Each structure stands twice: as structure tokens, then as C-alpha cells.
Amino acid sequence: MTENLEPEPAFAAELFGDTLPKARAFTAALAKHGEELGLIGPLELPRLWTRHIINSGLVAPLLRPGHVGDVGSGAGLPGLVLAIARPDVSFTLIEPMERRVAWLEQQAAELELANVSVMRARAEEAKLKGALDQVTARAVSALRTLIPITAPLLKPGGELVLMKGASVEQEIAGAEKAMRKFRLLDAEVIVLGEGKVDEREVTRVFRATVAVG
């Protein structure tokens, strides 16, 4: 029942600019069909904008023109949201579950997102045409597990841009071996949205670069 949908935050207009109508349309579709399709939980509507749409969209400024892969796209968080916010970036949404792939393809078509392609695959089995410039992921798994399946998708000099929770510093400590194995440099945690969203809803991103040469 979409009457429980959180009102659109004023910050959404600043975040999405000219693409706000598409962000609204995607949010409405997710509110209407998300629970029945198993994409979001039954308690998510009252915080759908802040916890999911805004939370994902905050990552958009970290992306650069090129080819970005979103691993475990699921409901389209962050992949579809980022594709809406950054029409200048090409996205491949990588998702293994058929039902979710169908949803992603349907939304990309309905929203006329010419910068989106969808691939049904697990990240470690994805057959991409070329190495990626950046890889995003949200709530997939701990860094020690996530790095080995995402870093190999990147070209030398490519970036991981992984959305993480409040325990990201502990995850980094537990992922040192994986970071060395996959030659990740300049690892950092970026906090996005401070002063714009409630401090409980800020977006934390683990960013690191694959070594060149």
C-alpha cells in the first residue's frame, strides 16, 4: 500500500536535478511492486526515499564517465538509481536471480535508461566484453568476500566504490589479505550526505584503486 510511502525529501531535487522525474517514477514503481516481488521488506515504505533512493544517489558524484558494473543489483539499489542520476555513465547491472533481472530490465525500459544493460550472472562468472572502470555494490557481503569477486572485473587503475555500513573500518581490517592479493591501493572510507540527511542515513563508501602495472 503506497499510502505509507515516505514523502519526497527536499534534498532529492538537489541530488537528481533534471533526472528527478525518473527518480520519482522508479521510487513509485518500487513502492508499488517491491514487496510483492521480494525486492524490499514490508517496513521499508516509510523510509524508502531516505534509506534507499537518496542513500544510493549520494554515490553518483563519485562516478566518472566510463563503464560501471553494479554487482548484485537486486531491486536496482544502487545501480538503477545511479543510472538515473548519471546518464553520462554506462552501467552493467549484474544480478543472478531471474526474477530480479526481469525487474531491472523492465525498469530500465520503462524509464528509458539508454545507459543500462542487465546481465544475469554471479559476479565471479560474469562474461563482460571488457574490463570495467568502476564497480559498485550495496549490502552484498563483507569486504573480505566482496573484494575477490569485484576487483577482478576492473581494469588496471579501476576503482571499487562499495557502499558499506557503520562497521566498514572493521571490515577493512579483516580484508587486508584480500586487498594485498588484488593489489588495491589508496583504500579509504568516504562519508556522504553529512549535513544533508539524518546522521543515521549517511552513506559510507569503501573506495580503492587497482594498481597499474
C-alpha atoms as a PDB file:
ATOM      1  CA  MET A   1       0.000   0.000   0.000  1.00  0.00           C
ATOM      2  CA  THR A   2       1.767   3.080  -1.237  1.00  0.00           C
ATOM      3  CA  GLU A   3      -0.075   5.468   1.095  1.00  0.00           C
ATOM      4  CA  ASN A   4       2.683   4.663   3.598  1.00  0.00           C
ATOM      5  CA  LEU A   5       5.352   5.894   1.197  1.00  0.00           C
ATOM      6  CA  GLU A   6       7.722   8.425   2.688  1.00  0.00           C
ATOM      7  CA  PRO A   7       7.228  11.944   1.285  1.00  0.00           C
ATOM      8  CA  GLU A   8       9.884  13.003  -1.165  1.00  0.00           C
ATOM      9  CA  PRO A   9      12.689  14.820   0.710  1.00  0.00           C
ATOM     10  CA  ALA A  10      13.518  18.313  -0.494  1.00  0.00           C
ATOM     11  CA  PHE A  11      17.128  17.189  -0.977  1.00  0.00           C
ATOM     12  CA  ALA A  12      16.027  14.869  -3.794  1.00  0.00           C
ATOM     13  CA  ALA A  13      15.716  17.816  -6.190  1.00  0.00           C
ATOM     14  CA  GLU A  14      19.288  18.895  -5.449  1.00  0.00           C
ATOM     15  CA  LEU A  15      20.607  15.364  -5.781  1.00  0.00           C
ATOM     16  CA  PHE A  16      18.871  14.367  -9.033  1.00  0.00           C
ATOM     17  CA  GLY A  17      18.366  17.698 -10.785  1.00  0.00           C
ATOM     18  CA  ASP A  18      16.865  17.241 -14.240  1.00  0.00           C
ATOM     19  CA  THR A  19      16.541  13.485 -13.739  1.00  0.00           C
ATOM     20  CA  LEU A  20      14.252  13.832 -10.690  1.00  0.00           C
ATOM     21  CA  PRO A  21      11.126  12.759 -12.645  1.00  0.00           C
ATOM     22  CA  LYS A  22      12.768   9.407 -13.398  1.00  0.00           C
ATOM     23  CA  ALA A  23      13.839   9.023  -9.764  1.00  0.00           C
ATOM     24  CA  ARG A  24      10.235   9.669  -8.737  1.00  0.00           C
ATOM     25  CA  ALA A  25       8.911   7.143 -11.245  1.00  0.00           C
ATOM     26  CA  PHE A  26      11.352   4.465 -10.082  1.00  0.00           C
ATOM     27  CA  THR A  27      10.537   5.134  -6.423  1.00  0.00           C
ATOM     28  CA  ALA A  28       6.825   4.859  -7.150  1.00  0.00           C
ATOM     29  CA  ALA A  29       7.308   1.580  -9.013  1.00  0.00           C
ATOM     30  CA  LEU A  30       9.429   0.151  -6.210  1.00  0.00           C
ATOM     31  CA  ALA A  31       6.834   1.244  -3.654  1.00  0.00           C
ATOM     32  CA  LYS A  32       4.048  -0.400  -5.646  1.00  0.00           C
ATOM     33  CA  HIS A  33       5.717  -3.685  -6.579  1.00  0.00           C
ATOM     34  CA  GLY A  34       8.799  -4.032  -4.388  1.00  0.00           C
ATOM     35  CA  GLU A  35       7.314  -6.049  -1.559  1.00  0.00           C
ATOM     36  CA  GLU A  36       5.327  -8.459  -3.733  1.00  0.00           C
ATOM     37  CA  LEU A  37       8.435  -9.146  -5.820  1.00  0.00           C
ATOM     38  CA  GLY A  38      10.605  -9.640  -2.756  1.00  0.00           C
ATOM     39  CA  LEU A  39      12.770  -6.626  -3.577  1.00  0.00           C
ATOM     40  CA  ILE A  40      12.187  -4.676  -0.360  1.00  0.00           C
ATOM     41  CA  GLY A  41      10.830  -5.581   3.044  1.00  0.00           C
ATOM     42  CA  PRO A  42       7.319  -4.765   4.282  1.00  0.00           C
ATOM     43  CA  LEU A  43       8.539  -1.981   6.570  1.00  0.00           C
ATOM     44  CA  GLU A  44      10.562  -0.057   4.006  1.00  0.00           C
ATOM     45  CA  LEU A  45       7.945   2.292   2.509  1.00  0.00           C
ATOM     46  CA  PRO A  46       8.083   4.909   5.302  1.00  0.00           C
ATOM     47  CA  ARG A  47      11.820   5.281   4.677  1.00  0.00           C
ATOM     48  CA  LEU A  48      12.105   4.315   1.017  1.00  0.00           C
ATOM     49  CA  TRP A  49      13.365   7.690  -0.167  1.00  0.00           C
ATOM     50  CA  THR A  50      15.946   8.349   2.551  1.00  0.00           C
ATOM     51  CA  ARG A  51      17.196   4.850   3.264  1.00  0.00           C
ATOM     52  CA  HIS A  52      17.306   3.568  -0.296  1.00  0.00           C
ATOM     53  CA  ILE A  53      16.898   6.161  -3.069  1.00  0.00           C
ATOM     54  CA  ILE A  54      18.810   9.077  -1.525  1.00  0.00           C
ATOM     55  CA  ASN A  55      21.266   6.674   0.118  1.00  0.00           C
ATOM     56  CA  SER A  56      22.124   5.229  -3.293  1.00  0.00           C
ATOM     57  CA  GLY A  57      22.043   8.515  -5.192  1.00  0.00           C
ATOM     58  CA  LEU A  58      24.621  10.104  -2.919  1.00  0.00           C
ATOM     59  CA  VAL A  59      27.258   7.917  -4.578  1.00  0.00           C
ATOM     60  CA  ALA A  60      26.644   9.477  -8.016  1.00  0.00           C
ATOM     61  CA  PRO A  61      29.326  12.208  -7.747  1.00  0.00           C
ATOM     62  CA  LEU A  62      31.995   9.554  -7.148  1.00  0.00           C
ATOM     63  CA  LEU A  63      31.415   8.032 -10.563  1.00  0.00           C
ATOM     64  CA  ARG A  64      33.223   9.082 -13.698  1.00  0.00           C
ATOM     65  CA  PRO A  65      32.242   8.754 -17.353  1.00  0.00           C
ATOM     66  CA  GLY A  66      33.036   5.226 -18.461  1.00  0.00           C
ATOM     67  CA  HIS A  67      31.734   1.707 -17.837  1.00  0.00           C
ATOM     68  CA  VAL A  68      30.486   0.887 -14.332  1.00  0.00           C
ATOM     69  CA  GLY A  69      29.385  -2.544 -13.158  1.00  0.00           C
ATOM     70  CA  ASP A  70      26.901  -2.835 -10.303  1.00  0.00           C
ATOM     71  CA  VAL A  71      27.232  -6.207  -8.577  1.00  0.00           C
ATOM     72  CA  GLY A  72      24.179  -7.805  -7.003  1.00  0.00           C
ATOM     73  CA  SER A  73      21.836  -5.094  -8.294  1.00  0.00           C
ATOM     74  CA  GLY A  74      18.697  -6.677  -6.842  1.00  0.00           C
ATOM     75  CA  ALA A  75      15.996  -4.007  -6.718  1.00  0.00           C
ATOM     76  CA  GLY A  76      18.231  -1.563  -8.582  1.00  0.00           C
ATOM     77  CA  LEU A  77      19.925  -0.174  -5.498  1.00  0.00           C
ATOM     78  CA  PRO A  78      22.246   1.447  -6.246  1.00  0.00           C
ATOM     79  CA  GLY A  79      22.531   0.547  -9.950  1.00  0.00           C
ATOM     80  CA  LEU A  80      19.288   1.925 -11.371  1.00  0.00           C
ATOM     81  CA  VAL A  81      19.365   4.950  -9.067  1.00  0.00           C
ATOM     82  CA  LEU A  82      22.897   5.786 -10.175  1.00  0.00           C
ATOM     83  CA  ALA A  83      21.994   5.261 -13.824  1.00  0.00           C
ATOM     84  CA  ILE A  84      19.173   7.768 -13.369  1.00  0.00           C
ATOM     85  CA  ALA A  85      21.445  10.287 -11.658  1.00  0.00           C
ATOM     86  CA  ARG A  86      24.352   9.833 -14.108  1.00  0.00           C
ATOM     87  CA  PRO A  87      23.099   9.479 -17.699  1.00  0.00           C
ATOM     88  CA  ASP A  88      26.687  10.168 -18.840  1.00  0.00           C
ATOM     89  CA  VAL A  89      27.897   6.853 -17.384  1.00  0.00           C
ATOM     90  CA  SER A  90      27.287   3.375 -18.877  1.00  0.00           C
ATOM     91  CA  PHE A  91      26.111   0.734 -16.413  1.00  0.00           C
ATOM     92  CA  THR A  92      26.008  -3.050 -16.500  1.00  0.00           C
ATOM     93  CA  LEU A  93      23.781  -4.386 -13.737  1.00  0.00           C
ATOM     94  CA  ILE A  94      24.954  -7.854 -12.682  1.00  0.00           C
ATOM     95  CA  GLU A  95      22.326  -9.937 -10.892  1.00  0.00           C
ATOM     96  CA  PRO A  96      21.979 -13.741 -10.664  1.00  0.00           C
ATOM     97  CA  MET A  97      18.279 -14.066  -9.770  1.00  0.00           C
ATOM     98  CA  GLU A  98      15.925 -14.320 -12.757  1.00  0.00           C
ATOM     99  CA  ARG A  99      13.025 -12.510 -11.061  1.00  0.00           C
ATOM    100  CA  ARG A 100      15.224  -9.557 -10.191  1.00  0.00           C
ATOM    101  CA  VAL A 101      16.799  -9.491 -13.651  1.00  0.00           C
ATOM    102  CA  ALA A 102      13.298  -9.210 -15.139  1.00  0.00           C
ATOM    103  CA  TRP A 103      12.535  -6.294 -12.806  1.00  0.00           C
ATOM    104  CA  LEU A 104      15.763  -4.493 -13.700  1.00  0.00           C
ATOM    105  CA  GLU A 105      15.156  -4.936 -17.420  1.00  0.00           C
ATOM    106  CA  GLN A 106      11.568  -3.750 -17.103  1.00  0.00           C
ATOM    107  CA  GLN A 107      12.533  -0.648 -15.154  1.00  0.00           C
ATOM    108  CA  ALA A 108      15.403   0.221 -17.493  1.00  0.00           C
ATOM    109  CA  ALA A 109      12.972   0.038 -20.415  1.00  0.00           C
ATOM    110  CA  GLU A 110      10.123   1.946 -18.747  1.00  0.00           C
ATOM    111  CA  LEU A 111      12.472   4.686 -17.535  1.00  0.00           C
ATOM    112  CA  GLU A 112      14.148   4.825 -20.949  1.00  0.00           C
ATOM    113  CA  LEU A 113      17.610   4.376 -19.449  1.00  0.00           C
ATOM    114  CA  ALA A 114      19.705   4.019 -22.592  1.00  0.00           C
ATOM    115  CA  ASN A 115      22.840   3.790 -20.426  1.00  0.00           C
ATOM    116  CA  VAL A 116      21.824   0.493 -18.767  1.00  0.00           C
ATOM    117  CA  SER A 117      22.326  -3.146 -19.706  1.00  0.00           C
ATOM    118  CA  VAL A 118      21.435  -6.079 -17.458  1.00  0.00           C
ATOM    119  CA  MET A 119      23.400  -9.306 -17.149  1.00  0.00           C
ATOM    120  CA  ARG A 120      22.124 -12.393 -15.392  1.00  0.00           C
ATOM    121  CA  ALA A 121      25.202 -13.796 -13.679  1.00  0.00           C
ATOM    122  CA  ARG A 122      27.078 -14.098 -10.459  1.00  0.00           C
ATOM    123  CA  ALA A 123      29.871 -11.545 -10.328  1.00  0.00           C
ATOM    124  CA  GLU A 124      32.584 -14.210 -10.354  1.00  0.00           C
ATOM    125  CA  GLU A 125      31.057 -15.744 -13.516  1.00  0.00           C
ATOM    126  CA  ALA A 126      30.211 -12.544 -15.400  1.00  0.00           C
ATOM    127  CA  LYS A 127      31.454 -12.540 -19.003  1.00  0.00           C
ATOM    128  CA  LEU A 128      31.945  -8.861 -19.727  1.00  0.00           C
ATOM    129  CA  LYS A 129      33.103  -7.516 -23.090  1.00  0.00           C
ATOM    130  CA  GLY A 130      35.845  -5.516 -21.417  1.00  0.00           C
ATOM    131  CA  ALA A 131      37.222  -4.645 -18.008  1.00  0.00           C
ATOM    132  CA  LEU A 132      35.296  -2.065 -16.023  1.00  0.00           C
ATOM    133  CA  ASP A 133      36.291   1.427 -14.972  1.00  0.00           C
ATOM    134  CA  GLN A 134      34.443   1.191 -11.647  1.00  0.00           C
ATOM    135  CA  VAL A 135      32.415  -1.358  -9.710  1.00  0.00           C
ATOM    136  CA  THR A 136      29.647  -0.549  -7.257  1.00  0.00           C
ATOM    137  CA  ALA A 137      27.782  -2.788  -4.825  1.00  0.00           C
ATOM    138  CA  ARG A 138      25.448  -2.305  -1.866  1.00  0.00           C
ATOM    139  CA  ALA A 139      24.850  -4.664   1.035  1.00  0.00           C
ATOM    140  CA  VAL A 140      26.260  -7.678  -0.793  1.00  0.00           C
ATOM    141  CA  SER A 141      28.762  -9.143   1.682  1.00  0.00           C
ATOM    142  CA  ALA A 142      31.754  -8.307   3.870  1.00  0.00           C
ATOM    143  CA  LEU A 143      34.779  -6.800   2.144  1.00  0.00           C
ATOM    144  CA  ARG A 144      36.921  -9.902   2.607  1.00  0.00           C
ATOM    145  CA  THR A 145      34.349 -11.784   0.493  1.00  0.00           C
ATOM    146  CA  LEU A 146      33.334  -8.935  -1.804  1.00  0.00           C
ATOM    147  CA  ILE A 147      36.799  -7.819  -2.943  1.00  0.00           C
ATOM    148  CA  PRO A 148      37.720 -11.186  -4.551  1.00  0.00           C
ATOM    149  CA  ILE A 149      34.559 -11.156  -6.705  1.00  0.00           C
ATOM    150  CA  THR A 150      34.599  -7.475  -7.678  1.00  0.00           C
ATOM    151  CA  ALA A 151      38.237  -6.438  -8.064  1.00  0.00           C
ATOM    152  CA  PRO A 152      38.891  -8.909 -10.954  1.00  0.00           C
ATOM    153  CA  LEU A 153      36.212  -7.105 -13.009  1.00  0.00           C
ATOM    154  CA  LEU A 154      38.244  -3.881 -13.025  1.00  0.00           C
ATOM    155  CA  LYS A 155      40.881  -2.684 -15.451  1.00  0.00           C
ATOM    156  CA  PRO A 156      44.227  -1.513 -14.001  1.00  0.00           C
ATOM    157  CA  GLY A 157      43.556   1.842 -12.405  1.00  0.00           C
ATOM    158  CA  GLY A 158      39.884   0.981 -11.989  1.00  0.00           C
ATOM    159  CA  GLU A 159      38.035   1.701  -8.764  1.00  0.00           C
ATOM    160  CA  LEU A 160      35.906  -0.160  -6.293  1.00  0.00           C
ATOM    161  CA  VAL A 161      33.102   2.068  -4.996  1.00  0.00           C
ATOM    162  CA  LEU A 162      31.370  -0.159  -2.460  1.00  0.00           C
ATOM    163  CA  MET A 163      28.563   1.012  -0.176  1.00  0.00           C
ATOM    164  CA  LYS A 164      29.072  -0.258   3.355  1.00  0.00           C
ATOM    165  CA  GLY A 165      27.614   0.065   6.832  1.00  0.00           C
ATOM    166  CA  ALA A 166      28.904   1.578  10.045  1.00  0.00           C
ATOM    167  CA  SER A 167      31.261  -1.373  10.614  1.00  0.00           C
ATOM    168  CA  VAL A 168      33.278  -0.673   7.464  1.00  0.00           C
ATOM    169  CA  GLU A 169      36.503   0.059   9.381  1.00  0.00           C
ATOM    170  CA  GLN A 170      36.375  -3.392  10.991  1.00  0.00           C
ATOM    171  CA  GLU A 171      35.674  -4.917   7.585  1.00  0.00           C
ATOM    172  CA  ILE A 172      38.771  -3.235   6.166  1.00  0.00           C
ATOM    173  CA  ALA A 173      40.882  -4.703   8.955  1.00  0.00           C
ATOM    174  CA  GLY A 174      39.513  -8.152   8.103  1.00  0.00           C
ATOM    175  CA  ALA A 175      40.133  -7.685   4.384  1.00  0.00           C
ATOM    176  CA  GLU A 176      43.839  -6.778   4.403  1.00  0.00           C
ATOM    177  CA  LYS A 177      44.859 -10.083   2.855  1.00  0.00           C
ATOM    178  CA  ALA A 178      42.355  -9.706   0.018  1.00  0.00           C
ATOM    179  CA  MET A 179      43.431  -6.103  -0.564  1.00  0.00           C
ATOM    180  CA  ARG A 180      47.039  -7.192  -0.974  1.00  0.00           C
ATOM    181  CA  LYS A 181      46.180 -10.141  -3.214  1.00  0.00           C
ATOM    182  CA  PHE A 182      44.142  -7.996  -5.600  1.00  0.00           C
ATOM    183  CA  ARG A 183      46.615  -5.105  -5.482  1.00  0.00           C
ATOM    184  CA  LEU A 184      44.281  -2.467  -4.110  1.00  0.00           C
ATOM    185  CA  LEU A 185      45.783   0.941  -3.375  1.00  0.00           C
ATOM    186  CA  ASP A 186      44.630   4.151  -1.709  1.00  0.00           C
ATOM    187  CA  ALA A 187      41.850   2.474   0.264  1.00  0.00           C
ATOM    188  CA  GLU A 188      39.628   4.981   2.030  1.00  0.00           C
ATOM    189  CA  VAL A 189      36.208   5.401   3.592  1.00  0.00           C
ATOM    190  CA  ILE A 190      34.122   8.296   2.311  1.00  0.00           C
ATOM    191  CA  VAL A 191      31.084   9.524   4.231  1.00  0.00           C
ATOM    192  CA  LEU A 192      28.452  11.141   2.013  1.00  0.00           C
ATOM    193  CA  GLY A 193      25.394  13.191   2.889  1.00  0.00           C
ATOM    194  CA  GLU A 194      26.562  14.762   6.125  1.00  0.00           C
ATOM    195  CA  GLY A 195      24.516  17.888   6.748  1.00  0.00           C
ATOM    196  CA  LYS A 196      22.040  16.808   4.061  1.00  0.00           C
ATOM    197  CA  VAL A 197      20.448  13.715   5.587  1.00  0.00           C
ATOM    198  CA  ASP A 198      19.910  12.395   9.098  1.00  0.00           C
ATOM    199  CA  GLU A 199      23.219  11.211  10.553  1.00  0.00           C
ATOM    200  CA  ARG A 200      21.778   7.684  10.731  1.00  0.00           C
ATOM    201  CA  GLU A 201      21.206   7.729   6.968  1.00  0.00           C
ATOM    202  CA  VAL A 202      24.596   8.926   5.720  1.00  0.00           C
ATOM    203  CA  THR A 203      26.201   6.811   3.022  1.00  0.00           C
ATOM    204  CA  ARG A 204      29.557   5.172   3.698  1.00  0.00           C
ATOM    205  CA  VAL A 205      31.662   4.119   0.752  1.00  0.00           C
ATOM    206  CA  PHE A 206      34.782   1.995   0.632  1.00  0.00           C
ATOM    207  CA  ARG A 207      36.873   3.193  -2.297  1.00  0.00           C
ATOM    208  CA  ALA A 208      40.118   1.675  -3.558  1.00  0.00           C
ATOM    209  CA  THR A 209      42.062   1.551  -6.832  1.00  0.00           C
ATOM    210  CA  VAL A 210      43.551  -1.449  -8.613  1.00  0.00           C
ATOM    211  CA  ALA A 211      47.280  -0.955  -9.134  1.00  0.00           C
ATOM    212  CA  VAL A 212      48.554  -0.232 -12.631  1.00  0.00           C
ATOM    213  CA  GLY A 213      51.401  -2.322 -13.971  1.00  0.00           C
END
